[in-house]
Amino acid sequence: PRTGKKKQLHCRLCHKKATTKCMKCEVPLHVTCFLHYHT
């Protein structure tokens, strides 16, 4: 909200920059890392 730009967060699994997250866990995750993180 301060800059109007997308936040730069790191994926919880691979630790690279991610633009998606899990709404329930509230942690940044790539789509490719999503299934492996929750199993």
PDB file of all heavy atoms in Angstrom:
ATOM      1  N   PRO A   1       0.805  -1.226   0.000  1.00  0.00           N
ATOM      2  CA  PRO A   1       0.000   0.000   0.000  1.00  0.00           C
ATOM      3  C   PRO A   1       0.837   1.275   0.000  1.00  0.00           C
ATOM      4  O   PRO A   1       0.366   2.338  -0.412  1.00  0.00           O
ATOM      5  CB  PRO A   1      -0.818  -0.134   1.292  1.00  0.00           C
ATOM      6  CG  PRO A   1      -0.044  -1.064   2.155  1.00  0.00           C
ATOM      7  CD  PRO A   1       0.632  -2.020   1.226  1.00  0.00           C
ATOM      8  N   ARG A   2       2.098   1.214   0.416  1.00  0.00           N
ATOM      9  CA  ARG A   2       2.930   2.430   0.461  1.00  0.00           C
ATOM     10  C   ARG A   2       3.504   2.766  -0.905  1.00  0.00           C
ATOM     11  O   ARG A   2       3.532   3.938  -1.302  1.00  0.00           O
ATOM     12  CB  ARG A   2       4.069   2.234   1.463  1.00  0.00           C
ATOM     13  CG  ARG A   2       3.585   2.086   2.907  1.00  0.00           C
ATOM     14  CD  ARG A   2       4.742   1.778   3.842  1.00  0.00           C
ATOM     15  NE  ARG A   2       5.367   0.485   3.496  1.00  0.00           N
ATOM     16  CZ  ARG A   2       6.415  -0.011   4.128  1.00  0.00           C
ATOM     17  NH1 ARG A   2       6.977   0.674   5.121  1.00  0.00           N
ATOM     18  NH2 ARG A   2       6.912  -1.172   3.770  1.00  0.00           N
ATOM     19  N   THR A   3       3.937   1.750  -1.636  1.00  0.00           N
ATOM     20  CA  THR A   3       4.573   1.998  -2.933  1.00  0.00           C
ATOM     21  C   THR A   3       3.671   1.698  -4.110  1.00  0.00           C
ATOM     22  O   THR A   3       3.933   2.161  -5.225  1.00  0.00           O
ATOM     23  CB  THR A   3       5.861   1.161  -3.055  1.00  0.00           C
ATOM     24  OG1 THR A   3       5.512  -0.235  -2.970  1.00  0.00           O
ATOM     25  CG2 THR A   3       6.829   1.490  -1.921  1.00  0.00           C
ATOM     26  N   GLY A   4       2.607   0.922  -3.884  1.00  0.00           N
ATOM     27  CA  GLY A   4       1.739   0.527  -4.982  1.00  0.00           C
ATOM     28  C   GLY A   4       2.308  -0.567  -5.846  1.00  0.00           C
ATOM     29  O   GLY A   4       1.687  -0.946  -6.847  1.00  0.00           O
ATOM     30  N   LYS A   5       3.460  -1.110  -5.517  1.00  0.00           N
ATOM     31  CA  LYS A   5       4.084  -2.183  -6.277  1.00  0.00           C
ATOM     32  C   LYS A   5       3.907  -3.513  -5.530  1.00  0.00           C
ATOM     33  O   LYS A   5       3.640  -3.544  -4.334  1.00  0.00           O
ATOM     34  CB  LYS A   5       5.577  -1.903  -6.485  1.00  0.00           C
ATOM     35  CG  LYS A   5       5.854  -0.635  -7.275  1.00  0.00           C
ATOM     36  CD  LYS A   5       7.341  -0.442  -7.450  1.00  0.00           C
ATOM     37  CE  LYS A   5       7.642   0.842  -8.237  1.00  0.00           C
ATOM     38  NZ  LYS A   5       9.101   1.057  -8.415  1.00  0.00           N
ATOM     39  N   LYS A   6       4.047  -4.596  -6.297  1.00  0.00           N
ATOM     40  CA  LYS A   6       3.892  -5.922  -5.695  1.00  0.00           C
ATOM     41  C   LYS A   6       5.033  -6.192  -4.726  1.00  0.00           C
ATOM     42  O   LYS A   6       6.189  -5.871  -4.988  1.00  0.00           O
ATOM     43  CB  LYS A   6       3.848  -6.978  -6.795  1.00  0.00           C
ATOM     44  CG  LYS A   6       3.384  -8.361  -6.305  1.00  0.00           C
ATOM     45  CD  LYS A   6       3.239  -9.322  -7.463  1.00  0.00           C
ATOM     46  CE  LYS A   6       2.082  -8.878  -8.361  1.00  0.00           C
ATOM     47  NZ  LYS A   6       0.774  -9.012  -7.640  1.00  0.00           N
ATOM     48  N   LYS A   7       4.690  -6.784  -3.581  1.00  0.00           N
ATOM     49  CA  LYS A   7       5.685  -7.076  -2.568  1.00  0.00           C
ATOM     50  C   LYS A   7       6.685  -8.119  -3.081  1.00  0.00           C
ATOM     51  O   LYS A   7       6.333  -9.023  -3.831  1.00  0.00           O
ATOM     52  CB  LYS A   7       5.015  -7.616  -1.303  1.00  0.00           C
ATOM     53  CG  LYS A   7       4.114  -6.606  -0.601  1.00  0.00           C
ATOM     54  CD  LYS A   7       3.505  -7.222   0.645  1.00  0.00           C
ATOM     55  CE  LYS A   7       2.608  -6.224   1.359  1.00  0.00           C
ATOM     56  NZ  LYS A   7       1.977  -6.811   2.563  1.00  0.00           N
ATOM     57  N   GLN A   8       7.931  -7.954  -2.691  1.00  0.00           N
ATOM     58  CA  GLN A   8       8.993  -8.890  -3.064  1.00  0.00           C
ATOM     59  C   GLN A   8       9.185  -9.876  -1.910  1.00  0.00           C
ATOM     60  O   GLN A   8       9.821  -9.569  -0.900  1.00  0.00           O
ATOM     61  CB  GLN A   8      10.293  -8.132  -3.346  1.00  0.00           C
ATOM     62  CG  GLN A   8      10.202  -7.193  -4.526  1.00  0.00           C
ATOM     63  CD  GLN A   8      10.031  -7.943  -5.833  1.00  0.00           C
ATOM     64  OE1 GLN A   8      10.569  -9.036  -6.018  1.00  0.00           O
ATOM     65  NE2 GLN A   8       9.296  -7.353  -6.762  1.00  0.00           N
ATOM     66  N   LEU A   9       8.553 -11.058  -2.057  1.00  0.00           N
ATOM     67  CA  LEU A   9       8.650 -12.091  -1.029  1.00  0.00           C
ATOM     68  C   LEU A   9       9.293 -13.331  -1.614  1.00  0.00           C
ATOM     69  O   LEU A   9       9.253 -13.557  -2.822  1.00  0.00           O
ATOM     70  CB  LEU A   9       7.253 -12.437  -0.486  1.00  0.00           C
ATOM     71  CG  LEU A   9       6.492 -11.271   0.165  1.00  0.00           C
ATOM     72  CD1 LEU A   9       5.112 -11.725   0.590  1.00  0.00           C
ATOM     73  CD2 LEU A   9       7.269 -10.701   1.344  1.00  0.00           C
ATOM     74  N   HIS A  10       9.871 -14.139  -0.748  1.00  0.00           N
ATOM     75  CA  HIS A  10      10.579 -15.342  -1.170  1.00  0.00           C
ATOM     76  C   HIS A  10       9.743 -16.582  -0.863  1.00  0.00           C
ATOM     77  O   HIS A  10       9.084 -16.671   0.188  1.00  0.00           O
ATOM     78  CB  HIS A  10      11.936 -15.442  -0.462  1.00  0.00           C
ATOM     79  CG  HIS A  10      12.890 -14.360  -0.853  1.00  0.00           C
ATOM     80  ND1 HIS A  10      13.750 -14.484  -1.926  1.00  0.00           N
ATOM     81  CD2 HIS A  10      13.122 -13.124  -0.328  1.00  0.00           C
ATOM     82  CE1 HIS A  10      14.479 -13.383  -2.041  1.00  0.00           C
ATOM     83  NE2 HIS A  10      14.106 -12.540  -1.088  1.00  0.00           N
ATOM     84  N   CYS A  11       9.785 -17.522  -1.771  1.00  0.00           N
ATOM     85  CA  CYS A  11       9.033 -18.775  -1.635  1.00  0.00           C
ATOM     86  C   CYS A  11       9.503 -19.519  -0.384  1.00  0.00           C
ATOM     87  O   CYS A  11      10.707 -19.624  -0.120  1.00  0.00           O
ATOM     88  CB  CYS A  11       9.220 -19.640  -2.877  1.00  0.00           C
ATOM     89  SG  CYS A  11       8.406 -21.262  -2.777  1.00  0.00           S
ATOM     90  N   ARG A  12       8.556 -20.033   0.373  1.00  0.00           N
ATOM     91  CA  ARG A  12       8.905 -20.724   1.605  1.00  0.00           C
ATOM     92  C   ARG A  12       9.647 -22.031   1.333  1.00  0.00           C
ATOM     93  O   ARG A  12      10.416 -22.484   2.182  1.00  0.00           O
ATOM     94  CB  ARG A  12       7.611 -21.014   2.393  1.00  0.00           C
ATOM     95  CG  ARG A  12       7.821 -21.690   3.732  1.00  0.00           C
ATOM     96  CD  ARG A  12       8.670 -20.847   4.670  1.00  0.00           C
ATOM     97  NE  ARG A  12       8.073 -19.565   4.940  1.00  0.00           N
ATOM     98  CZ  ARG A  12       7.165 -19.325   5.891  1.00  0.00           C
ATOM     99  NH1 ARG A  12       6.730 -20.325   6.636  1.00  0.00           N
ATOM    100  NH2 ARG A  12       6.711 -18.119   6.084  1.00  0.00           N
ATOM    101  N   LEU A  13       9.495 -22.611   0.141  1.00  0.00           N
ATOM    102  CA  LEU A  13      10.118 -23.890  -0.150  1.00  0.00           C
ATOM    103  C   LEU A  13      11.460 -23.737  -0.864  1.00  0.00           C
ATOM    104  O   LEU A  13      12.485 -24.259  -0.415  1.00  0.00           O
ATOM    105  CB  LEU A  13       9.171 -24.757  -0.990  1.00  0.00           C
ATOM    106  CG  LEU A  13       9.590 -26.206  -1.184  1.00  0.00           C
ATOM    107  CD1 LEU A  13       9.575 -26.946   0.156  1.00  0.00           C
ATOM    108  CD2 LEU A  13       8.671 -26.911  -2.175  1.00  0.00           C
ATOM    109  N   CYS A  14      11.476 -22.997  -1.973  1.00  0.00           N
ATOM    110  CA  CYS A  14      12.717 -22.886  -2.754  1.00  0.00           C
ATOM    111  C   CYS A  14      13.467 -21.582  -2.487  1.00  0.00           C
ATOM    112  O   CYS A  14      14.571 -21.385  -2.996  1.00  0.00           O
ATOM    113  CB  CYS A  14      12.414 -23.011  -4.241  1.00  0.00           C
ATOM    114  SG  CYS A  14      11.431 -21.653  -4.913  1.00  0.00           S
ATOM    115  N   HIS A  15      12.856 -20.659  -1.741  1.00  0.00           N
ATOM    116  CA  HIS A  15      13.480 -19.408  -1.307  1.00  0.00           C
ATOM    117  C   HIS A  15      13.801 -18.448  -2.458  1.00  0.00           C
ATOM    118  O   HIS A  15      14.616 -17.535  -2.293  1.00  0.00           O
ATOM    119  CB  HIS A  15      14.757 -19.685  -0.504  1.00  0.00           C
ATOM    120  CG  HIS A  15      14.540 -20.616   0.655  1.00  0.00           C
ATOM    121  ND1 HIS A  15      13.763 -20.302   1.749  1.00  0.00           N
ATOM    122  CD2 HIS A  15      14.980 -21.888   0.861  1.00  0.00           C
ATOM    123  CE1 HIS A  15      13.755 -21.312   2.602  1.00  0.00           C
ATOM    124  NE2 HIS A  15      14.480 -22.308   2.087  1.00  0.00           N
ATOM    125  N   LYS A  16      13.172 -18.643  -3.612  1.00  0.00           N
ATOM    126  CA  LYS A  16      13.300 -17.690  -4.711  1.00  0.00           C
ATOM    127  C   LYS A  16      12.128 -16.717  -4.676  1.00  0.00           C
ATOM    128  O   LYS A  16      11.111 -16.962  -4.016  1.00  0.00           O
ATOM    129  CB  LYS A  16      13.352 -18.427  -6.042  1.00  0.00           C
ATOM    130  CG  LYS A  16      14.573 -19.336  -6.194  1.00  0.00           C
ATOM    131  CD  LYS A  16      14.555 -20.032  -7.547  1.00  0.00           C
ATOM    132  CE  LYS A  16      15.769 -20.942  -7.701  1.00  0.00           C
ATOM    133  NZ  LYS A  16      15.767 -21.651  -9.017  1.00  0.00           N
ATOM    134  N   LYS A  17      12.255 -15.603  -5.410  1.00  0.00           N
ATOM    135  CA  LYS A  17      11.196 -14.610  -5.418  1.00  0.00           C
ATOM    136  C   LYS A  17       9.911 -15.201  -5.988  1.00  0.00           C
ATOM    137  O   LYS A  17       9.930 -15.895  -7.011  1.00  0.00           O
ATOM    138  CB  LYS A  17      11.613 -13.388  -6.230  1.00  0.00           C
ATOM    139  CG  LYS A  17      12.716 -12.579  -5.563  1.00  0.00           C
ATOM    140  CD  LYS A  17      13.043 -11.325  -6.360  1.00  0.00           C
ATOM    141  CE  LYS A  17      14.134 -10.510  -5.664  1.00  0.00           C
ATOM    142  NZ  LYS A  17      14.454  -9.273  -6.430  1.00  0.00           N
ATOM    143  N   ALA A  18       8.795 -14.914  -5.309  1.00  0.00           N
ATOM    144  CA  ALA A  18       7.508 -15.474  -5.695  1.00  0.00           C
ATOM    145  C   ALA A  18       6.468 -14.369  -5.788  1.00  0.00           C
ATOM    146  O   ALA A  18       6.553 -13.347  -5.088  1.00  0.00           O
ATOM    147  CB  ALA A  18       7.064 -16.523  -4.686  1.00  0.00           C
ATOM    148  N   THR A  19       5.498 -14.576  -6.658  1.00  0.00           N
ATOM    149  CA  THR A  19       4.383 -13.627  -6.827  1.00  0.00           C
ATOM    150  C   THR A  19       3.053 -14.224  -6.398  1.00  0.00           C
ATOM    151  O   THR A  19       2.027 -13.562  -6.494  1.00  0.00           O
ATOM    152  CB  THR A  19       4.279 -13.203  -8.301  1.00  0.00           C
ATOM    153  OG1 THR A  19       4.079 -14.364  -9.119  1.00  0.00           O
ATOM    154  CG2 THR A  19       5.542 -12.473  -8.738  1.00  0.00           C
ATOM    155  N   THR A  20       3.059 -15.459  -5.932  1.00  0.00           N
ATOM    156  CA  THR A  20       1.837 -16.117  -5.463  1.00  0.00           C
ATOM    157  C   THR A  20       2.056 -16.617  -4.041  1.00  0.00           C
ATOM    158  O   THR A  20       3.184 -16.765  -3.572  1.00  0.00           O
ATOM    159  CB  THR A  20       1.460 -17.299  -6.370  1.00  0.00           C
ATOM    160  OG1 THR A  20       2.571 -18.203  -6.454  1.00  0.00           O
ATOM    161  CG2 THR A  20       1.092 -16.812  -7.769  1.00  0.00           C
ATOM    162  N   LYS A  21       0.930 -16.918  -3.383  1.00  0.00           N
ATOM    163  CA  LYS A  21       0.977 -17.385  -2.003  1.00  0.00           C
ATOM    164  C   LYS A  21      -0.199 -18.328  -1.732  1.00  0.00           C
ATOM    165  O   LYS A  21      -1.112 -18.464  -2.551  1.00  0.00           O
ATOM    166  CB  LYS A  21       0.913 -16.207  -1.029  1.00  0.00           C
ATOM    167  CG  LYS A  21      -0.434 -15.489  -1.032  1.00  0.00           C
ATOM    168  CD  LYS A  21      -0.498 -14.423   0.021  1.00  0.00           C
ATOM    169  CE  LYS A  21      -1.886 -13.757   0.050  1.00  0.00           C
ATOM    170  NZ  LYS A  21      -1.993 -12.741   1.104  1.00  0.00           N
ATOM    171  N   CYS A  22      -0.160 -18.985  -0.583  1.00  0.00           N
ATOM    172  CA  CYS A  22      -1.281 -19.799  -0.106  1.00  0.00           C
ATOM    173  C   CYS A  22      -2.141 -18.921   0.789  1.00  0.00           C
ATOM    174  O   CYS A  22      -1.651 -18.347   1.772  1.00  0.00           O
ATOM    175  CB  CYS A  22      -0.788 -21.028   0.652  1.00  0.00           C
ATOM    176  SG  CYS A  22      -2.102 -22.030   1.381  1.00  0.00           S
ATOM    177  N   MET A  23      -3.433 -18.833   0.469  1.00  0.00           N
ATOM    178  CA  MET A  23      -4.314 -17.944   1.219  1.00  0.00           C
ATOM    179  C   MET A  23      -4.498 -18.425   2.660  1.00  0.00           C
ATOM    180  O   MET A  23      -4.618 -17.606   3.578  1.00  0.00           O
ATOM    181  CB  MET A  23      -5.678 -17.864   0.522  1.00  0.00           C
ATOM    182  CG  MET A  23      -5.643 -17.155  -0.828  1.00  0.00           C
ATOM    183  SD  MET A  23      -7.286 -17.011  -1.560  1.00  0.00           S
ATOM    184  CE  MET A  23      -8.121 -16.029  -0.309  1.00  0.00           C
ATOM    185  N   LYS A  24      -4.522 -19.739   2.899  1.00  0.00           N
ATOM    186  CA  LYS A  24      -4.747 -20.237   4.258  1.00  0.00           C
ATOM    187  C   LYS A  24      -3.482 -20.165   5.098  1.00  0.00           C
ATOM    188  O   LYS A  24      -3.502 -19.686   6.228  1.00  0.00           O
ATOM    189  CB  LYS A  24      -5.257 -21.674   4.200  1.00  0.00           C
ATOM    190  CG  LYS A  24      -5.565 -22.265   5.569  1.00  0.00           C
ATOM    191  CD  LYS A  24      -6.153 -23.643   5.461  1.00  0.00           C
ATOM    192  CE  LYS A  24      -6.486 -24.196   6.846  1.00  0.00           C
ATOM    193  NZ  LYS A  24      -7.098 -25.543   6.773  1.00  0.00           N
ATOM    194  N   CYS A  25      -2.374 -20.658   4.555  1.00  0.00           N
ATOM    195  CA  CYS A  25      -1.111 -20.638   5.313  1.00  0.00           C
ATOM    196  C   CYS A  25      -0.499 -19.247   5.379  1.00  0.00           C
ATOM    197  O   CYS A  25       0.332 -18.981   6.263  1.00  0.00           O
ATOM    198  CB  CYS A  25      -0.115 -21.608   4.698  1.00  0.00           C
ATOM    199  SG  CYS A  25      -0.649 -23.332   4.684  1.00  0.00           S
ATOM    200  N   GLU A  26      -0.871 -18.375   4.427  1.00  0.00           N
ATOM    201  CA  GLU A  26      -0.329 -17.014   4.361  1.00  0.00           C
ATOM    202  C   GLU A  26       1.185 -17.023   4.234  1.00  0.00           C
ATOM    203  O   GLU A  26       1.886 -16.269   4.923  1.00  0.00           O
ATOM    204  CB  GLU A  26      -0.781 -16.192   5.560  1.00  0.00           C
ATOM    205  CG  GLU A  26      -2.290 -15.996   5.629  1.00  0.00           C
ATOM    206  CD  GLU A  26      -2.702 -15.096   6.765  1.00  0.00           C
ATOM    207  OE1 GLU A  26      -1.791 -14.563   7.455  1.00  0.00           O
ATOM    208  OE2 GLU A  26      -3.903 -14.917   6.992  1.00  0.00           O
ATOM    209  N   VAL A  27       1.689 -17.888   3.380  1.00  0.00           N
ATOM    210  CA  VAL A  27       3.122 -17.950   3.108  1.00  0.00           C
ATOM    211  C   VAL A  27       3.312 -17.876   1.597  1.00  0.00           C
ATOM    212  O   VAL A  27       2.507 -18.417   0.825  1.00  0.00           O
ATOM    213  CB  VAL A  27       3.747 -19.248   3.655  1.00  0.00           C
ATOM    214  CG1 VAL A  27       3.666 -19.282   5.171  1.00  0.00           C
ATOM    215  CG2 VAL A  27       3.088 -20.483   3.077  1.00  0.00           C
ATOM    216  N   PRO A  28       4.346 -17.185   1.106  1.00  0.00           N
ATOM    217  CA  PRO A  28       4.596 -17.116  -0.345  1.00  0.00           C
ATOM    218  C   PRO A  28       5.035 -18.470  -0.887  1.00  0.00           C
ATOM    219  O   PRO A  28       5.882 -19.154  -0.298  1.00  0.00           O
ATOM    220  CB  PRO A  28       5.692 -16.062  -0.466  1.00  0.00           C
ATOM    221  CG  PRO A  28       6.355 -16.036   0.866  1.00  0.00           C
ATOM    222  CD  PRO A  28       5.306 -16.363   1.868  1.00  0.00           C
ATOM    223  N   LEU A  29       4.467 -18.862  -2.021  1.00  0.00           N
ATOM    224  CA  LEU A  29       4.775 -20.140  -2.647  1.00  0.00           C
ATOM    225  C   LEU A  29       4.615 -20.026  -4.152  1.00  0.00           C
ATOM    226  O   LEU A  29       3.687 -19.366  -4.640  1.00  0.00           O
ATOM    227  CB  LEU A  29       3.835 -21.255  -2.144  1.00  0.00           C
ATOM    228  CG  LEU A  29       4.042 -21.797  -0.727  1.00  0.00           C
ATOM    229  CD1 LEU A  29       2.870 -22.678  -0.331  1.00  0.00           C
ATOM    230  CD2 LEU A  29       5.346 -22.568  -0.641  1.00  0.00           C
ATOM    231  N   HIS A  30       5.527 -20.650  -4.897  1.00  0.00           N
ATOM    232  CA  HIS A  30       5.331 -20.800  -6.334  1.00  0.00           C
ATOM    233  C   HIS A  30       4.236 -21.831  -6.591  1.00  0.00           C
ATOM    234  O   HIS A  30       3.975 -22.701  -5.760  1.00  0.00           O
ATOM    235  CB  HIS A  30       6.639 -21.241  -7.021  1.00  0.00           C
ATOM    236  CG  HIS A  30       7.705 -20.205  -6.993  1.00  0.00           C
ATOM    237  ND1 HIS A  30       8.869 -20.354  -6.280  1.00  0.00           N
ATOM    238  CD2 HIS A  30       7.781 -18.978  -7.589  1.00  0.00           C
ATOM    239  CE1 HIS A  30       9.631 -19.288  -6.437  1.00  0.00           C
ATOM    240  NE2 HIS A  30       8.993 -18.433  -7.222  1.00  0.00           N
ATOM    241  N   VAL A  31       3.629 -21.751  -7.735  1.00  0.00           N
ATOM    242  CA  VAL A  31       2.614 -22.742  -8.096  1.00  0.00           C
ATOM    243  C   VAL A  31       3.240 -24.127  -8.197  1.00  0.00           C
ATOM    244  O   VAL A  31       2.641 -25.138  -7.807  1.00  0.00           O
ATOM    245  CB  VAL A  31       1.937 -22.346  -9.420  1.00  0.00           C
ATOM    246  CG1 VAL A  31       0.942 -23.419  -9.862  1.00  0.00           C
ATOM    247  CG2 VAL A  31       1.244 -21.002  -9.280  1.00  0.00           C
ATOM    248  N   THR A  32       4.467 -24.194  -8.689  1.00  0.00           N
ATOM    249  CA  THR A  32       5.143 -25.496  -8.804  1.00  0.00           C
ATOM    250  C   THR A  32       5.558 -26.058  -7.447  1.00  0.00           C
ATOM    251  O   THR A  32       5.747 -27.261  -7.303  1.00  0.00           O
ATOM    252  CB  THR A  32       6.378 -25.364  -9.698  1.00  0.00           C
ATOM    253  OG1 THR A  32       7.230 -24.321  -9.187  1.00  0.00           O
ATOM    254  CG2 THR A  32       5.965 -25.011 -11.131  1.00  0.00           C
ATOM    255  N   CYS A  33       5.709 -25.202  -6.449  1.00  0.00           N
ATOM    256  CA  CYS A  33       6.094 -25.641  -5.102  1.00  0.00           C
ATOM    257  C   CYS A  33       4.886 -25.892  -4.198  1.00  0.00           C
ATOM    258  O   CYS A  33       5.044 -26.383  -3.067  1.00  0.00           O
ATOM    259  CB  CYS A  33       7.002 -24.617  -4.438  1.00  0.00           C
ATOM    260  SG  CYS A  33       8.533 -24.271  -5.334  1.00  0.00           S
ATOM    261  N   PHE A  34       3.701 -25.546  -4.680  1.00  0.00           N
ATOM    262  CA  PHE A  34       2.508 -25.568  -3.839  1.00  0.00           C
ATOM    263  C   PHE A  34       2.183 -26.985  -3.354  1.00  0.00           C
ATOM    264  O   PHE A  34       1.975 -27.220  -2.146  1.00  0.00           O
ATOM    265  CB  PHE A  34       1.321 -24.992  -4.622  1.00  0.00           C
ATOM    266  CG  PHE A  34       0.124 -24.695  -3.781  1.00  0.00           C
ATOM    267  CD1 PHE A  34       0.001 -23.481  -3.134  1.00  0.00           C
ATOM    268  CD2 PHE A  34      -0.886 -25.627  -3.642  1.00  0.00           C
ATOM    269  CE1 PHE A  34      -1.107 -23.208  -2.350  1.00  0.00           C
ATOM    270  CE2 PHE A  34      -1.995 -25.362  -2.863  1.00  0.00           C
ATOM    271  CZ  PHE A  34      -2.097 -24.140  -2.229  1.00  0.00           C
ATOM    272  N   LEU A  35       2.165 -27.952  -4.254  1.00  0.00           N
ATOM    273  CA  LEU A  35       1.786 -29.321  -3.871  1.00  0.00           C
ATOM    274  C   LEU A  35       2.835 -29.950  -2.970  1.00  0.00           C
ATOM    275  O   LEU A  35       2.498 -30.615  -1.982  1.00  0.00           O
ATOM    276  CB  LEU A  35       1.595 -30.158  -5.145  1.00  0.00           C
ATOM    277  CG  LEU A  35       1.207 -31.631  -4.925  1.00  0.00           C
ATOM    278  CD1 LEU A  35      -0.123 -31.718  -4.199  1.00  0.00           C
ATOM    279  CD2 LEU A  35       1.146 -32.366  -6.269  1.00  0.00           C
ATOM    280  N   HIS A  36       4.090 -29.749  -3.283  1.00  0.00           N
ATOM    281  CA  HIS A  36       5.157 -30.361  -2.478  1.00  0.00           C
ATOM    282  C   HIS A  36       5.179 -29.777  -1.072  1.00  0.00           C
ATOM    283  O   HIS A  36       5.480 -30.484  -0.109  1.00  0.00           O
ATOM    284  CB  HIS A  36       6.503 -30.146  -3.160  1.00  0.00           C
ATOM    285  CG  HIS A  36       7.641 -30.817  -2.455  1.00  0.00           C
ATOM    286  ND1 HIS A  36       7.779 -32.181  -2.374  1.00  0.00           N
ATOM    287  CD2 HIS A  36       8.711 -30.282  -1.772  1.00  0.00           C
ATOM    288  CE1 HIS A  36       8.857 -32.482  -1.673  1.00  0.00           C
ATOM    289  NE2 HIS A  36       9.438 -31.355  -1.302  1.00  0.00           N
ATOM    290  N   TYR A  37       4.840 -28.510  -0.917  1.00  0.00           N
ATOM    291  CA  TYR A  37       4.857 -27.875   0.412  1.00  0.00           C
ATOM    292  C   TYR A  37       3.744 -28.424   1.307  1.00  0.00           C
ATOM    293  O   TYR A  37       3.923 -28.540   2.518  1.00  0.00           O
ATOM    294  CB  TYR A  37       4.701 -26.367   0.254  1.00  0.00           C
ATOM    295  CG  TYR A  37       4.680 -25.612   1.560  1.00  0.00           C
ATOM    296  CD1 TYR A  37       5.848 -25.324   2.241  1.00  0.00           C
ATOM    297  CD2 TYR A  37       3.466 -25.178   2.107  1.00  0.00           C
ATOM    298  CE1 TYR A  37       5.820 -24.629   3.448  1.00  0.00           C
ATOM    299  CE2 TYR A  37       3.428 -24.487   3.309  1.00  0.00           C
ATOM    300  CZ  TYR A  37       4.618 -24.217   3.963  1.00  0.00           C
ATOM    301  OH  TYR A  37       4.586 -23.535   5.164  1.00  0.00           O
ATOM    302  N   HIS A  38       2.587 -28.764   0.728  1.00  0.00           N
ATOM    303  CA  HIS A  38       1.434 -29.182   1.529  1.00  0.00           C
ATOM    304  C   HIS A  38       1.291 -30.690   1.617  1.00  0.00           C
ATOM    305  O   HIS A  38       0.272 -31.172   2.114  1.00  0.00           O
ATOM    306  CB  HIS A  38       0.146 -28.598   0.909  1.00  0.00           C
ATOM    307  CG  HIS A  38       0.037 -27.115   1.068  1.00  0.00           C
ATOM    308  ND1 HIS A  38       0.347 -26.251   0.052  1.00  0.00           N
ATOM    309  CD2 HIS A  38      -0.324 -26.344   2.131  1.00  0.00           C
ATOM    310  CE1 HIS A  38       0.158 -24.993   0.458  1.00  0.00           C
ATOM    311  NE2 HIS A  38      -0.234 -25.043   1.719  1.00  0.00           N
ATOM    312  N   THR A  39       2.256 -31.456   1.199  1.00  0.00           N
ATOM    313  CA  THR A  39       2.215 -32.905   1.348  1.00  0.00           C
ATOM    314  C   THR A  39       3.456 -33.355   2.072  1.00  0.00           C
ATOM    315  O   THR A  39       4.545 -32.793   1.908  1.00  0.00           O
ATOM    316  CB  THR A  39       2.151 -33.612  -0.012  1.00  0.00           C
ATOM    317  OG1 THR A  39       3.238 -33.154  -0.838  1.00  0.00           O
ATOM    318  CG2 THR A  39       0.837 -33.304  -0.716  1.00  0.00           C
TER     319      THR A  39
END
